[in-house]
Amino acid sequence: MSSENKEQFRIEYQAGKAAFERGEYRTSVKRLEAACALMNRNSRLGGEAQMWLVTAYEAAGQTPEAIALCQQLSRHPDPETRKQGKRLLYILQAPQLKRPDEWMTKIPDLGAIAESEPQYRRGSSTASTSNSSRKVKPEPIDLSQVNTKDNQFIWVALIALSLILGGLIWFGVS
């Protein structure tokens, strides 16, 4: 394998992993497929790239492709890749459990609201105008109404603290 192919593999492989981690699964599939085409599939690194491709297939909803690739990986020459391929194949072929609807939280689609109602759009001039008209200036505080009389709390607290410390020192020394 030429150094140019290795560099191109590394670029595609890293881009595929990064796209997967950002949740861009279709892009990840394309980049990882390109990376797998550049590397020997029977090498350890080729097997690692194919494992990433299996997870990208599954995340993109291409389960049959993920299972087919996992079946190939379960016969891979590298023992670690073969073991991971068998484990992943077992998981992919496991039956899906039914979950009751009350276990699921329904998340509403907020995309339609943001596009249709201008007051929910960021940077909208109607939203900023309506917000500025609703702003209420705080009333000034009349300082003649504020109680400024000393309630002697600090002196009481200092005397109590002194007595406690004095008692601890007195009983701690003897």
C-alpha atoms as a PDB file:
ATOM      1  CA  MET A   1       0.000   0.000   0.000  1.00  0.00           C
ATOM      2  CA  SER A   2       1.429   3.358  -1.015  1.00  0.00           C
ATOM      3  CA  SER A   3       1.874   6.203   1.435  1.00  0.00           C
ATOM      4  CA  GLU A   4      -0.663   8.216  -0.570  1.00  0.00           C
ATOM      5  CA  ASN A   5      -3.284   5.473  -0.106  1.00  0.00           C
ATOM      6  CA  LYS A   6      -2.455   5.236   3.612  1.00  0.00           C
ATOM      7  CA  GLU A   7      -2.923   8.968   4.020  1.00  0.00           C
ATOM      8  CA  GLN A   8      -6.200   8.918   2.056  1.00  0.00           C
ATOM      9  CA  PHE A   9      -7.374   5.964   4.188  1.00  0.00           C
ATOM     10  CA  ARG A  10      -6.515   7.837   7.376  1.00  0.00           C
ATOM     11  CA  ILE A  11      -8.407  10.934   6.192  1.00  0.00           C
ATOM     12  CA  GLU A  12     -11.518   8.967   5.192  1.00  0.00           C
ATOM     13  CA  TYR A  13     -11.398   6.814   8.316  1.00  0.00           C
ATOM     14  CA  GLN A  14     -11.080   9.776  10.709  1.00  0.00           C
ATOM     15  CA  ALA A  15     -13.790  11.704   8.826  1.00  0.00           C
ATOM     16  CA  GLY A  16     -16.110   8.686   9.013  1.00  0.00           C
ATOM     17  CA  LYS A  17     -15.571   8.283  12.762  1.00  0.00           C
ATOM     18  CA  ALA A  18     -16.059  12.010  13.355  1.00  0.00           C
ATOM     19  CA  ALA A  19     -19.275  12.036  11.312  1.00  0.00           C
ATOM     20  CA  PHE A  20     -20.542   9.049  13.308  1.00  0.00           C
ATOM     21  CA  GLU A  21     -19.823  10.788  16.606  1.00  0.00           C
ATOM     22  CA  ARG A  22     -21.705  13.890  15.391  1.00  0.00           C
ATOM     23  CA  GLY A  23     -24.713  11.729  14.511  1.00  0.00           C
ATOM     24  CA  GLU A  24     -24.301  12.123  10.746  1.00  0.00           C
ATOM     25  CA  TYR A  25     -24.679   8.409  10.046  1.00  0.00           C
ATOM     26  CA  ARG A  26     -25.202   8.497   6.273  1.00  0.00           C
ATOM     27  CA  THR A  27     -22.081  10.610   5.827  1.00  0.00           C
ATOM     28  CA  SER A  28     -20.247   8.258   8.143  1.00  0.00           C
ATOM     29  CA  VAL A  29     -21.275   5.253   6.044  1.00  0.00           C
ATOM     30  CA  LYS A  30     -19.995   6.901   2.847  1.00  0.00           C
ATOM     31  CA  ARG A  31     -16.659   7.905   4.367  1.00  0.00           C
ATOM     32  CA  LEU A  32     -16.088   4.546   6.068  1.00  0.00           C
ATOM     33  CA  GLU A  33     -16.982   2.642   2.885  1.00  0.00           C
ATOM     34  CA  ALA A  34     -14.395   4.752   1.047  1.00  0.00           C
ATOM     35  CA  ALA A  35     -11.827   4.019   3.778  1.00  0.00           C
ATOM     36  CA  CYS A  36     -12.521   0.268   3.646  1.00  0.00           C
ATOM     37  CA  ALA A  37     -12.049   0.297  -0.131  1.00  0.00           C
ATOM     38  CA  LEU A  38      -8.565   1.802   0.336  1.00  0.00           C
ATOM     39  CA  MET A  39      -7.327  -0.667   2.980  1.00  0.00           C
ATOM     40  CA  ASN A  40      -6.744  -4.417   2.853  1.00  0.00           C
ATOM     41  CA  ARG A  41      -9.911  -5.820   4.455  1.00  0.00           C
ATOM     42  CA  ASN A  42      -7.995  -8.727   6.033  1.00  0.00           C
ATOM     43  CA  SER A  43      -5.605  -6.470   7.959  1.00  0.00           C
ATOM     44  CA  ARG A  44      -6.155  -5.503  11.577  1.00  0.00           C
ATOM     45  CA  LEU A  45      -6.731  -1.852  10.637  1.00  0.00           C
ATOM     46  CA  GLY A  46      -9.059  -2.881   7.815  1.00  0.00           C
ATOM     47  CA  GLY A  47     -11.070  -4.944  10.312  1.00  0.00           C
ATOM     48  CA  GLU A  48     -11.259  -2.007  12.705  1.00  0.00           C
ATOM     49  CA  ALA A  49     -12.581   0.247   9.935  1.00  0.00           C
ATOM     50  CA  GLN A  50     -15.150  -2.411   9.027  1.00  0.00           C
ATOM     51  CA  MET A  51     -16.310  -2.603  12.669  1.00  0.00           C
ATOM     52  CA  TRP A  52     -16.934   1.141  12.577  1.00  0.00           C
ATOM     53  CA  LEU A  53     -18.782   0.637   9.298  1.00  0.00           C
ATOM     54  CA  VAL A  54     -21.027  -1.997  10.929  1.00  0.00           C
ATOM     55  CA  THR A  55     -22.031   0.429  13.677  1.00  0.00           C
ATOM     56  CA  ALA A  56     -22.593   3.197  11.119  1.00  0.00           C
ATOM     57  CA  TYR A  57     -24.788   0.859   9.028  1.00  0.00           C
ATOM     58  CA  GLU A  58     -26.857  -0.009  12.085  1.00  0.00           C
ATOM     59  CA  ALA A  59     -27.195   3.640  13.146  1.00  0.00           C
ATOM     60  CA  ALA A  60     -28.224   4.629   9.617  1.00  0.00           C
ATOM     61  CA  GLY A  61     -30.958   1.981   9.646  1.00  0.00           C
ATOM     62  CA  GLN A  62     -29.171  -0.365   7.228  1.00  0.00           C
ATOM     63  CA  THR A  63     -29.392  -3.433   9.449  1.00  0.00           C
ATOM     64  CA  PRO A  64     -29.178  -6.080   6.670  1.00  0.00           C
ATOM     65  CA  GLU A  65     -25.876  -4.558   5.462  1.00  0.00           C
ATOM     66  CA  ALA A  66     -24.608  -4.445   9.055  1.00  0.00           C
ATOM     67  CA  ILE A  67     -25.453  -8.121   9.611  1.00  0.00           C
ATOM     68  CA  ALA A  68     -23.875  -9.188   6.304  1.00  0.00           C
ATOM     69  CA  LEU A  69     -20.651  -7.318   7.116  1.00  0.00           C
ATOM     70  CA  CYS A  70     -20.632  -8.773  10.633  1.00  0.00           C
ATOM     71  CA  GLN A  71     -20.909 -12.279   9.202  1.00  0.00           C
ATOM     72  CA  GLN A  72     -17.813 -11.544   7.108  1.00  0.00           C
ATOM     73  CA  LEU A  73     -16.005 -10.126  10.136  1.00  0.00           C
ATOM     74  CA  SER A  74     -16.766 -13.270  12.184  1.00  0.00           C
ATOM     75  CA  ARG A  75     -14.392 -15.070   9.743  1.00  0.00           C
ATOM     76  CA  HIS A  76     -11.717 -12.330   9.760  1.00  0.00           C
ATOM     77  CA  PRO A  77      -8.040 -13.429  10.026  1.00  0.00           C
ATOM     78  CA  ASP A  78      -7.358 -11.125  13.007  1.00  0.00           C
ATOM     79  CA  PRO A  79      -8.548 -12.931  16.198  1.00  0.00           C
ATOM     80  CA  GLU A  80      -9.615  -9.727  18.009  1.00  0.00           C
ATOM     81  CA  THR A  81     -11.637  -8.511  15.013  1.00  0.00           C
ATOM     82  CA  ARG A  82     -13.165 -11.979  14.616  1.00  0.00           C
ATOM     83  CA  LYS A  83     -14.197 -12.018  18.306  1.00  0.00           C
ATOM     84  CA  GLN A  84     -15.719  -8.512  18.126  1.00  0.00           C
ATOM     85  CA  GLY A  85     -17.498  -9.403  14.881  1.00  0.00           C
ATOM     86  CA  LYS A  86     -19.103 -12.467  16.485  1.00  0.00           C
ATOM     87  CA  ARG A  87     -20.212 -10.452  19.524  1.00  0.00           C
ATOM     88  CA  LEU A  88     -21.670  -7.690  17.394  1.00  0.00           C
ATOM     89  CA  LEU A  89     -23.413 -10.209  15.124  1.00  0.00           C
ATOM     90  CA  TYR A  90     -25.007 -11.801  18.185  1.00  0.00           C
ATOM     91  CA  ILE A  91     -26.300  -8.393  19.285  1.00  0.00           C
ATOM     92  CA  LEU A  92     -27.594  -7.443  15.841  1.00  0.00           C
ATOM     93  CA  GLN A  93     -29.454 -10.728  15.409  1.00  0.00           C
ATOM     94  CA  ALA A  94     -31.034 -10.629  18.868  1.00  0.00           C
ATOM     95  CA  PRO A  95     -34.820 -10.275  18.812  1.00  0.00           C
ATOM     96  CA  GLN A  96     -36.187  -6.809  19.435  1.00  0.00           C
ATOM     97  CA  LEU A  97     -38.160  -6.492  22.643  1.00  0.00           C
ATOM     98  CA  LYS A  98     -41.512  -4.750  22.583  1.00  0.00           C
ATOM     99  CA  ARG A  99     -41.767  -1.788  24.895  1.00  0.00           C
ATOM    100  CA  PRO A 100     -45.101  -0.563  26.187  1.00  0.00           C
ATOM    101  CA  ASP A 101     -46.057   2.926  25.018  1.00  0.00           C
ATOM    102  CA  GLU A 102     -46.181   4.203  28.591  1.00  0.00           C
ATOM    103  CA  TRP A 103     -42.434   3.494  28.901  1.00  0.00           C
ATOM    104  CA  MET A 104     -41.703   5.816  26.016  1.00  0.00           C
ATOM    105  CA  THR A 105     -41.553   9.585  26.161  1.00  0.00           C
ATOM    106  CA  LYS A 106     -43.021  11.314  23.152  1.00  0.00           C
ATOM    107  CA  ILE A 107     -40.899  14.220  21.944  1.00  0.00           C
ATOM    108  CA  PRO A 108     -42.863  16.728  19.870  1.00  0.00           C
ATOM    109  CA  ASP A 109     -41.434  17.997  16.600  1.00  0.00           C
ATOM    110  CA  LEU A 110     -40.548  21.619  17.292  1.00  0.00           C
ATOM    111  CA  GLY A 111     -39.126  22.208  13.829  1.00  0.00           C
ATOM    112  CA  ALA A 112     -42.507  23.169  12.373  1.00  0.00           C
ATOM    113  CA  ILE A 113     -43.223  25.682  15.146  1.00  0.00           C
ATOM    114  CA  ALA A 114     -39.981  27.595  14.704  1.00  0.00           C
ATOM    115  CA  GLU A 115     -40.578  28.027  10.986  1.00  0.00           C
ATOM    116  CA  SER A 116     -44.233  28.983  11.095  1.00  0.00           C
ATOM    117  CA  GLU A 117     -44.490  31.401  14.012  1.00  0.00           C
ATOM    118  CA  PRO A 118     -42.209  34.451  13.803  1.00  0.00           C
ATOM    119  CA  GLN A 119     -42.203  35.169  17.544  1.00  0.00           C
ATOM    120  CA  TYR A 120     -40.319  31.889  18.149  1.00  0.00           C
ATOM    121  CA  ARG A 121     -37.566  32.622  15.632  1.00  0.00           C
ATOM    122  CA  ARG A 122     -34.217  33.834  16.885  1.00  0.00           C
ATOM    123  CA  GLY A 123     -33.271  37.274  15.681  1.00  0.00           C
ATOM    124  CA  SER A 124     -36.791  38.047  14.535  1.00  0.00           C
ATOM    125  CA  SER A 125     -37.624  41.727  14.565  1.00  0.00           C
ATOM    126  CA  THR A 126     -41.197  41.090  15.751  1.00  0.00           C
ATOM    127  CA  ALA A 127     -39.930  39.120  18.736  1.00  0.00           C
ATOM    128  CA  SER A 128     -37.481  41.824  19.795  1.00  0.00           C
ATOM    129  CA  THR A 129     -40.120  44.539  19.391  1.00  0.00           C
ATOM    130  CA  SER A 130     -42.663  42.687  21.473  1.00  0.00           C
ATOM    131  CA  ASN A 131     -40.061  41.883  24.150  1.00  0.00           C
ATOM    132  CA  SER A 132     -38.947  45.501  24.440  1.00  0.00           C
ATOM    133  CA  SER A 133     -42.537  46.713  24.853  1.00  0.00           C
ATOM    134  CA  ARG A 134     -43.037  44.199  27.695  1.00  0.00           C
ATOM    135  CA  LYS A 135     -39.975  45.329  29.657  1.00  0.00           C
ATOM    136  CA  VAL A 136     -40.896  47.009  32.897  1.00  0.00           C
ATOM    137  CA  LYS A 137     -38.476  49.357  34.597  1.00  0.00           C
ATOM    138  CA  PRO A 138     -37.896  48.453  38.227  1.00  0.00           C
ATOM    139  CA  GLU A 139     -39.298  50.862  40.777  1.00  0.00           C
ATOM    140  CA  PRO A 140     -36.663  52.812  42.695  1.00  0.00           C
ATOM    141  CA  ILE A 141     -36.231  51.763  46.325  1.00  0.00           C
ATOM    142  CA  ASP A 142     -37.059  54.360  48.937  1.00  0.00           C
ATOM    143  CA  LEU A 143     -34.074  54.165  51.300  1.00  0.00           C
ATOM    144  CA  SER A 144     -35.958  55.966  54.063  1.00  0.00           C
ATOM    145  CA  GLN A 145     -38.121  52.818  54.396  1.00  0.00           C
ATOM    146  CA  VAL A 146     -35.124  50.485  54.907  1.00  0.00           C
ATOM    147  CA  ASN A 147     -34.484  49.355  58.508  1.00  0.00           C
ATOM    148  CA  THR A 148     -30.895  50.325  59.303  1.00  0.00           C
ATOM    149  CA  LYS A 149     -31.115  49.838  63.084  1.00  0.00           C
ATOM    150  CA  ASP A 150     -28.348  47.609  64.466  1.00  0.00           C
ATOM    151  CA  ASN A 151     -29.897  44.502  65.983  1.00  0.00           C
ATOM    152  CA  GLN A 152     -26.766  43.536  67.972  1.00  0.00           C
ATOM    153  CA  PHE A 153     -26.594  40.084  66.328  1.00  0.00           C
ATOM    154  CA  ILE A 154     -22.914  40.355  65.490  1.00  0.00           C
ATOM    155  CA  TRP A 155     -21.980  41.177  69.088  1.00  0.00           C
ATOM    156  CA  VAL A 156     -24.028  38.299  70.439  1.00  0.00           C
ATOM    157  CA  ALA A 157     -22.471  35.900  67.897  1.00  0.00           C
ATOM    158  CA  LEU A 158     -18.925  37.083  68.710  1.00  0.00           C
ATOM    159  CA  ILE A 159     -19.480  36.700  72.468  1.00  0.00           C
ATOM    160  CA  ALA A 160     -20.952  33.201  71.993  1.00  0.00           C
ATOM    161  CA  LEU A 161     -18.036  32.197  69.757  1.00  0.00           C
ATOM    162  CA  SER A 162     -15.530  33.534  72.301  1.00  0.00           C
ATOM    163  CA  LEU A 163     -17.192  31.583  75.108  1.00  0.00           C
ATOM    164  CA  ILE A 164     -17.175  28.361  73.075  1.00  0.00           C
ATOM    165  CA  LEU A 165     -13.521  28.771  72.069  1.00  0.00           C
ATOM    166  CA  GLY A 166     -12.568  29.682  75.637  1.00  0.00           C
ATOM    167  CA  GLY A 167     -14.371  26.591  76.948  1.00  0.00           C
ATOM    168  CA  LEU A 168     -12.658  24.350  74.425  1.00  0.00           C
ATOM    169  CA  ILE A 169      -9.251  25.733  75.304  1.00  0.00           C
ATOM    170  CA  TRP A 170      -9.921  25.511  79.049  1.00  0.00           C
ATOM    171  CA  PHE A 171     -11.153  21.904  78.924  1.00  0.00           C
ATOM    172  CA  GLY A 172      -8.659  20.907  76.247  1.00  0.00           C
ATOM    173  CA  VAL A 173      -5.650  21.996  78.356  1.00  0.00           C
ATOM    174  CA  SER A 174      -6.630  20.275  81.585  1.00  0.00           C
END
